[in-house]
PDB file of N, CA and C in Angstrom:
ATOM      1  N   MET A   1     111.577 183.781 132.713  1.00  0.00           N
ATOM      2  CA  MET A   1     110.749 185.089 132.439  1.00  0.00           C
ATOM      3  C   MET A   1     109.244 184.356 132.453  1.00  0.00           C
ATOM      4  N   THR A   2     108.591 185.096 133.088  1.00  0.00           N
ATOM      5  CA  THR A   2     107.055 184.463 133.305  1.00  0.00           C
ATOM      6  C   THR A   2     106.155 184.853 132.148  1.00  0.00           C
ATOM      7  N   MET A   3     105.125 184.171 131.932  1.00  0.00           N
ATOM      8  CA  MET A   3     104.184 184.454 130.808  1.00  0.00           C
ATOM      9  C   MET A   3     103.842 185.824 130.627  1.00  0.00           C
ATOM     10  N   LEU A   4     103.462 186.425 131.842  1.00  0.00           N
ATOM     11  CA  LEU A   4     103.133 187.964 131.778  1.00  0.00           C
ATOM     12  C   LEU A   4     104.138 188.815 131.334  1.00  0.00           C
ATOM     13  N   GLU A   5     105.468 188.538 131.687  1.00  0.00           N
ATOM     14  CA  GLU A   5     106.571 189.214 131.082  1.00  0.00           C
ATOM     15  C   GLU A   5     106.704 189.058 129.668  1.00  0.00           C
ATOM     16  N   ARG A   6     106.479 187.911 129.213  1.00  0.00           N
ATOM     17  CA  ARG A   6     106.568 187.491 127.756  1.00  0.00           C
ATOM     18  C   ARG A   6     105.513 188.396 126.989  1.00  0.00           C
ATOM     19  N   ASN A   7     104.268 188.351 127.599  1.00  0.00           N
ATOM     20  CA  ASN A   7     103.057 189.117 126.923  1.00  0.00           C
ATOM     21  C   ASN A   7     103.456 190.536 126.818  1.00  0.00           C
ATOM     22  N   LEU A   8     103.965 191.146 128.042  1.00  0.00           N
ATOM     23  CA  LEU A   8     104.414 192.463 128.093  1.00  0.00           C
ATOM     24  C   LEU A   8     105.379 192.915 126.800  1.00  0.00           C
ATOM     25  N   GLU A   9     106.301 192.144 126.743  1.00  0.00           N
ATOM     26  CA  GLU A   9     107.320 192.172 125.639  1.00  0.00           C
ATOM     27  C   GLU A   9     106.727 192.087 124.313  1.00  0.00           C
ATOM     28  N   ARG A  10     105.903 191.202 124.070  1.00  0.00           N
ATOM     29  CA  ARG A  10     105.254 191.230 122.691  1.00  0.00           C
ATOM     30  C   ARG A  10     104.245 192.197 122.337  1.00  0.00           C
ATOM     31  N   LEU A  11     103.712 192.632 123.367  1.00  0.00           N
ATOM     32  CA  LEU A  11     102.675 193.845 123.310  1.00  0.00           C
ATOM     33  C   LEU A  11     103.578 195.027 122.896  1.00  0.00           C
ATOM     34  N   TYR A  12     104.655 195.254 123.757  1.00  0.00           N
ATOM     35  CA  TYR A  12     105.553 196.399 123.474  1.00  0.00           C
ATOM     36  C   TYR A  12     106.131 196.308 121.973  1.00  0.00           C
ATOM     37  N   ASP A  13     106.632 195.212 121.613  1.00  0.00           N
ATOM     38  CA  ASP A  13     107.184 195.131 120.249  1.00  0.00           C
ATOM     39  C   ASP A  13     106.167 195.383 119.240  1.00  0.00           C
ATOM     40  N   ARG A  14     104.832 194.937 119.467  1.00  0.00           N
ATOM     41  CA  ARG A  14     103.678 195.187 118.560  1.00  0.00           C
ATOM     42  C   ARG A  14     103.405 196.600 118.358  1.00  0.00           C
ATOM     43  N   ILE A  15     103.496 197.260 119.547  1.00  0.00           N
ATOM     44  CA  ILE A  15     103.015 198.634 119.426  1.00  0.00           C
ATOM     45  C   ILE A  15     104.094 199.486 118.712  1.00  0.00           C
ATOM     46  N   LEU A  16     105.445 199.193 118.890  1.00  0.00           N
ATOM     47  CA  LEU A  16     106.374 200.013 118.085  1.00  0.00           C
ATOM     48  C   LEU A  16     106.360 199.665 116.942  1.00  0.00           C
ATOM     49  N   ARG A  17     105.914 198.485 116.155  1.00  0.00           N
ATOM     50  CA  ARG A  17     106.019 198.295 115.034  1.00  0.00           C
ATOM     51  C   ARG A  17     104.820 198.761 114.096  1.00  0.00           C
ATOM     52  N   THR A  18     103.696 199.295 114.842  1.00  0.00           N
ATOM     53  CA  THR A  18     102.453 199.672 114.318  1.00  0.00           C
ATOM     54  C   THR A  18     102.388 200.992 113.797  1.00  0.00           C
ATOM     55  N   THR A  19     101.058 201.508 113.356  1.00  0.00           N
ATOM     56  CA  THR A  19     100.967 202.946 113.032  1.00  0.00           C
ATOM     57  C   THR A  19     100.601 203.636 114.391  1.00  0.00           C
ATOM     58  N   PRO A  20     100.619 204.871 114.248  1.00  0.00           N
ATOM     59  CA  PRO A  20     100.168 205.668 115.446  1.00  0.00           C
ATOM     60  C   PRO A  20      98.738 205.479 115.877  1.00  0.00           C
ATOM     61  N   ASP A  21      97.776 205.306 114.910  1.00  0.00           N
ATOM     62  CA  ASP A  21      96.410 205.036 115.228  1.00  0.00           C
ATOM     63  C   ASP A  21      96.347 203.826 115.914  1.00  0.00           C
ATOM     64  N   ALA A  22      97.037 202.803 115.370  1.00  0.00           N
ATOM     65  CA  ALA A  22      96.842 201.407 116.165  1.00  0.00           C
ATOM     66  C   ALA A  22      97.563 201.608 117.534  1.00  0.00           C
ATOM     67  N   GLN A  23      98.416 202.171 117.678  1.00  0.00           N
ATOM     68  CA  GLN A  23      99.017 202.328 118.975  1.00  0.00           C
ATOM     69  C   GLN A  23      98.089 202.740 120.097  1.00  0.00           C
ATOM     70  N   LEU A  24      97.257 203.793 119.632  1.00  0.00           N
ATOM     71  CA  LEU A  24      96.306 204.380 120.569  1.00  0.00           C
ATOM     72  C   LEU A  24      95.420 203.334 120.846  1.00  0.00           C
ATOM     73  N   ARG A  25      94.941 202.458 119.930  1.00  0.00           N
ATOM     74  CA  ARG A  25      93.856 201.481 120.171  1.00  0.00           C
ATOM     75  C   ARG A  25      94.439 200.306 121.106  1.00  0.00           C
ATOM     76  N   LEU A  26      95.780 200.209 121.283  1.00  0.00           N
ATOM     77  CA  LEU A  26      96.419 199.248 121.976  1.00  0.00           C
ATOM     78  C   LEU A  26      96.831 199.774 123.329  1.00  0.00           C
ATOM     79  N   GLN A  27      96.712 200.973 123.672  1.00  0.00           N
ATOM     80  CA  GLN A  27      96.917 201.678 124.965  1.00  0.00           C
ATOM     81  C   GLN A  27      96.186 200.919 125.924  1.00  0.00           C
ATOM     82  N   PRO A  28      94.862 200.655 126.034  1.00  0.00           N
ATOM     83  CA  PRO A  28      94.231 200.124 127.077  1.00  0.00           C
ATOM     84  C   PRO A  28      94.772 198.647 127.305  1.00  0.00           C
ATOM     85  N   GLU A  29      95.226 197.846 126.424  1.00  0.00           N
ATOM     86  CA  GLU A  29      95.729 196.594 126.645  1.00  0.00           C
ATOM     87  C   GLU A  29      97.225 196.886 127.314  1.00  0.00           C
ATOM     88  N   LEU A  30      97.806 197.722 126.852  1.00  0.00           N
ATOM     89  CA  LEU A  30      99.179 197.956 127.656  1.00  0.00           C
ATOM     90  C   LEU A  30      99.070 198.266 128.898  1.00  0.00           C
ATOM     91  N   ALA A  31      98.057 199.211 129.458  1.00  0.00           N
ATOM     92  CA  ALA A  31      97.787 199.609 130.718  1.00  0.00           C
ATOM     93  C   ALA A  31      97.374 198.495 131.513  1.00  0.00           C
ATOM     94  N   ASP A  32      96.450 197.613 131.011  1.00  0.00           N
ATOM     95  CA  ASP A  32      95.984 196.401 131.605  1.00  0.00           C
ATOM     96  C   ASP A  32      97.201 195.540 131.961  1.00  0.00           C
ATOM     97  N   VAL A  33      98.141 195.235 131.196  1.00  0.00           N
ATOM     98  CA  VAL A  33      99.142 194.401 131.425  1.00  0.00           C
ATOM     99  C   VAL A  33     100.100 194.874 132.540  1.00  0.00           C
ATOM    100  N   ILE A  34     100.326 196.150 132.212  1.00  0.00           N
ATOM    101  CA  ILE A  34     101.227 196.799 133.126  1.00  0.00           C
ATOM    102  C   ILE A  34     100.521 196.669 134.753  1.00  0.00           C
ATOM    103  N   ALA A  35      99.485 196.908 134.898  1.00  0.00           N
ATOM    104  CA  ALA A  35      98.579 196.818 136.077  1.00  0.00           C
ATOM    105  C   ALA A  35      98.663 195.301 136.572  1.00  0.00           C
ATOM    106  N   ARG A  36      98.472 194.501 135.721  1.00  0.00           N
ATOM    107  CA  ARG A  36      98.724 192.932 136.231  1.00  0.00           C
ATOM    108  C   ARG A  36     100.120 192.719 136.683  1.00  0.00           C
ATOM    109  N   MET A  37     101.092 193.308 136.016  1.00  0.00           N
ATOM    110  CA  MET A  37     102.610 193.150 136.442  1.00  0.00           C
ATOM    111  C   MET A  37     102.684 193.699 137.860  1.00  0.00           C
ATOM    112  N   GLU A  38     102.185 194.911 138.046  1.00  0.00           N
ATOM    113  CA  GLU A  38     102.262 195.453 139.376  1.00  0.00           C
ATOM    114  C   GLU A  38     101.394 194.608 140.400  1.00  0.00           C
ATOM    115  N   GLU A  39     100.401 194.230 140.229  1.00  0.00           N
ATOM    116  CA  GLU A  39      99.774 193.222 140.959  1.00  0.00           C
ATOM    117  C   GLU A  39     100.394 191.991 141.344  1.00  0.00           C
ATOM    118  N   ALA A  40     101.396 191.704 140.262  1.00  0.00           N
ATOM    119  CA  ALA A  40     102.114 190.386 140.737  1.00  0.00           C
ATOM    120  C   ALA A  40     103.544 190.743 141.184  1.00  0.00           C
ATOM    121  N   ASN A  41     103.725 192.064 141.496  1.00  0.00           N
ATOM    122  CA  ASN A  41     105.056 192.523 142.123  1.00  0.00           C
ATOM    123  C   ASN A  41     106.289 192.268 141.105  1.00  0.00           C
ATOM    124  N   LYS A  42     105.838 192.316 139.729  1.00  0.00           N
ATOM    125  CA  LYS A  42     106.934 192.265 138.795  1.00  0.00           C
ATOM    126  C   LYS A  42     107.369 193.598 138.319  1.00  0.00           C
ATOM    127  N   PRO A  43     108.585 193.712 138.082  1.00  0.00           N
ATOM    128  CA  PRO A  43     109.176 195.143 137.564  1.00  0.00           C
ATOM    129  C   PRO A  43     108.721 195.344 136.134  1.00  0.00           C
ATOM    130  N   VAL A  44     108.204 196.724 135.880  1.00  0.00           N
ATOM    131  CA  VAL A  44     107.985 196.959 134.504  1.00  0.00           C
ATOM    132  C   VAL A  44     109.126 197.838 133.842  1.00  0.00           C
ATOM    133  N   PRO A  45     109.745 197.566 132.868  1.00  0.00           N
ATOM    134  CA  PRO A  45     110.802 198.464 132.516  1.00  0.00           C
ATOM    135  C   PRO A  45     110.309 199.863 132.176  1.00  0.00           C
ATOM    136  N   PRO A  46     111.151 200.774 132.409  1.00  0.00           N
ATOM    137  CA  PRO A  46     110.985 202.296 132.418  1.00  0.00           C
ATOM    138  C   PRO A  46     110.478 202.615 130.879  1.00  0.00           C
ATOM    139  N   ALA A  47     111.101 202.303 130.002  1.00  0.00           N
ATOM    140  CA  ALA A  47     110.681 202.403 128.637  1.00  0.00           C
ATOM    141  C   ALA A  47     109.303 202.118 128.257  1.00  0.00           C
ATOM    142  N   ILE A  48     108.774 200.993 128.777  1.00  0.00           N
ATOM    143  CA  ILE A  48     107.350 200.548 128.679  1.00  0.00           C
ATOM    144  C   ILE A  48     106.445 201.385 129.424  1.00  0.00           C
ATOM    145  N   ARG A  49     106.893 201.772 130.727  1.00  0.00           N
ATOM    146  CA  ARG A  49     105.959 202.628 131.441  1.00  0.00           C
ATOM    147  C   ARG A  49     105.841 204.107 130.609  1.00  0.00           C
ATOM    148  N   ASP A  50     106.942 204.526 130.080  1.00  0.00           N
ATOM    149  CA  ASP A  50     107.140 205.729 129.481  1.00  0.00           C
ATOM    150  C   ASP A  50     106.170 205.726 128.230  1.00  0.00           C
ATOM    151  N   LEU A  51     106.240 204.628 127.440  1.00  0.00           N
ATOM    152  CA  LEU A  51     105.321 204.471 126.226  1.00  0.00           C
ATOM    153  C   LEU A  51     103.831 204.534 126.580  1.00  0.00           C
ATOM    154  N   CYS A  52     103.538 203.750 127.777  1.00  0.00           N
ATOM    155  CA  CYS A  52     102.225 203.747 128.313  1.00  0.00           C
ATOM    156  C   CYS A  52     101.770 205.332 128.531  1.00  0.00           C
ATOM    157  N   GLU A  53     102.563 206.051 129.225  1.00  0.00           N
ATOM    158  CA  GLU A  53     102.210 207.300 129.765  1.00  0.00           C
ATOM    159  C   GLU A  53     102.064 208.264 128.403  1.00  0.00           C
ATOM    160  N   GLU A  54     103.051 208.067 127.398  1.00  0.00           N
ATOM    161  CA  GLU A  54     102.811 208.861 126.079  1.00  0.00           C
ATOM    162  C   GLU A  54     101.549 208.612 125.553  1.00  0.00           C
ATOM    163  N   LEU A  55     101.013 207.360 125.363  1.00  0.00           N
ATOM    164  CA  LEU A  55     100.045 206.664 124.579  1.00  0.00           C
ATOM    165  C   LEU A  55      98.667 207.187 125.578  1.00  0.00           C
ATOM    166  N   THR A  56      98.752 207.341 126.722  1.00  0.00           N
ATOM    167  CA  THR A  56      97.606 207.666 127.549  1.00  0.00           C
ATOM    168  C   THR A  56      97.340 209.039 127.294  1.00  0.00           C
ATOM    169  N   CYS A  57      98.372 209.801 127.224  1.00  0.00           N
ATOM    170  CA  CYS A  57      98.309 211.333 127.028  1.00  0.00           C
ATOM    171  C   CYS A  57      97.735 211.607 125.446  1.00  0.00           C
ATOM    172  N   ALA A  58      98.096 210.917 124.557  1.00  0.00           N
ATOM    173  CA  ALA A  58      97.855 210.910 123.242  1.00  0.00           C
ATOM    174  C   ALA A  58      96.373 210.587 123.043  1.00  0.00           C
ATOM    175  N   VAL A  59      95.860 209.568 123.786  1.00  0.00           N
ATOM    176  CA  VAL A  59      94.390 209.211 123.829  1.00  0.00           C
ATOM    177  C   VAL A  59      93.609 210.407 124.411  1.00  0.00           C
ATOM    178  N   ILE A  60      94.013 210.895 125.392  1.00  0.00           N
ATOM    179  CA  ILE A  60      93.376 211.954 126.078  1.00  0.00           C
ATOM    180  C   ILE A  60      93.140 213.116 125.111  1.00  0.00           C
ATOM    181  N   GLU A  61      94.330 213.374 124.435  1.00  0.00           N
ATOM    182  CA  GLU A  61      94.541 214.691 123.587  1.00  0.00           C
ATOM    183  C   GLU A  61      93.664 214.381 122.321  1.00  0.00           C
ATOM    184  N   ALA A  62      93.474 213.226 121.826  1.00  0.00           N
ATOM    185  CA  ALA A  62      92.612 212.618 120.676  1.00  0.00           C
ATOM    186  C   ALA A  62      91.270 212.964 120.973  1.00  0.00           C
ATOM    187  N   GLN A  63      90.757 212.850 122.156  1.00  0.00           N
ATOM    188  CA  GLN A  63      89.321 213.130 122.611  1.00  0.00           C
ATOM    189  C   GLN A  63      89.038 214.476 122.493  1.00  0.00           C
ATOM    190  N   PHE A  64      89.972 215.247 122.722  1.00  0.00           N
ATOM    191  CA  PHE A  64      89.694 216.855 122.614  1.00  0.00           C
ATOM    192  C   PHE A  64      89.676 217.192 121.353  1.00  0.00           C
ATOM    193  N   ASP A  65      90.416 216.611 120.431  1.00  0.00           N
ATOM    194  CA  ASP A  65      90.578 217.069 119.051  1.00  0.00           C
ATOM    195  C   ASP A  65      89.208 216.748 118.441  1.00  0.00           C
ATOM    196  N   ASN A  66      88.351 215.934 118.753  1.00  0.00           N
ATOM    197  CA  ASN A  66      87.071 215.542 118.092  1.00  0.00           C
ATOM    198  C   ASN A  66      85.847 216.447 118.649  1.00  0.00           C
ATOM    199  N   MET A  67      86.341 217.418 119.733  1.00  0.00           N
ATOM    200  CA  MET A  67      85.285 218.056 120.453  1.00  0.00           C
ATOM    201  C   MET A  67      84.745 219.089 119.572  1.00  0.00           C
ATOM    202  N   PRO A  68      83.414 219.548 119.344  1.00  0.00           N
ATOM    203  CA  PRO A  68      82.967 220.647 118.640  1.00  0.00           C
ATOM    204  C   PRO A  68      83.343 221.858 119.384  1.00  0.00           C
ATOM    205  N   VAL A  69      83.546 222.894 118.729  1.00  0.00           N
ATOM    206  CA  VAL A  69      83.726 224.181 119.507  1.00  0.00           C
ATOM    207  C   VAL A  69      82.750 225.091 119.289  1.00  0.00           C
TER     208      VAL A  69
END
């Protein structure tokens, strides 16, 4: 297992163990690690991709929650 893969696993575990607000703050880091994995032609587990997609959607949705109407 490469260092990049270990970093991805640790970050994934950290996200799963934290609060929803903290998860949203960790989304950019997760997206960055996934991008580096892709650049290195390393497979990213589907569960981690799914989590990143869910968090990305939640971050976008949270931005609209704070918009004045």
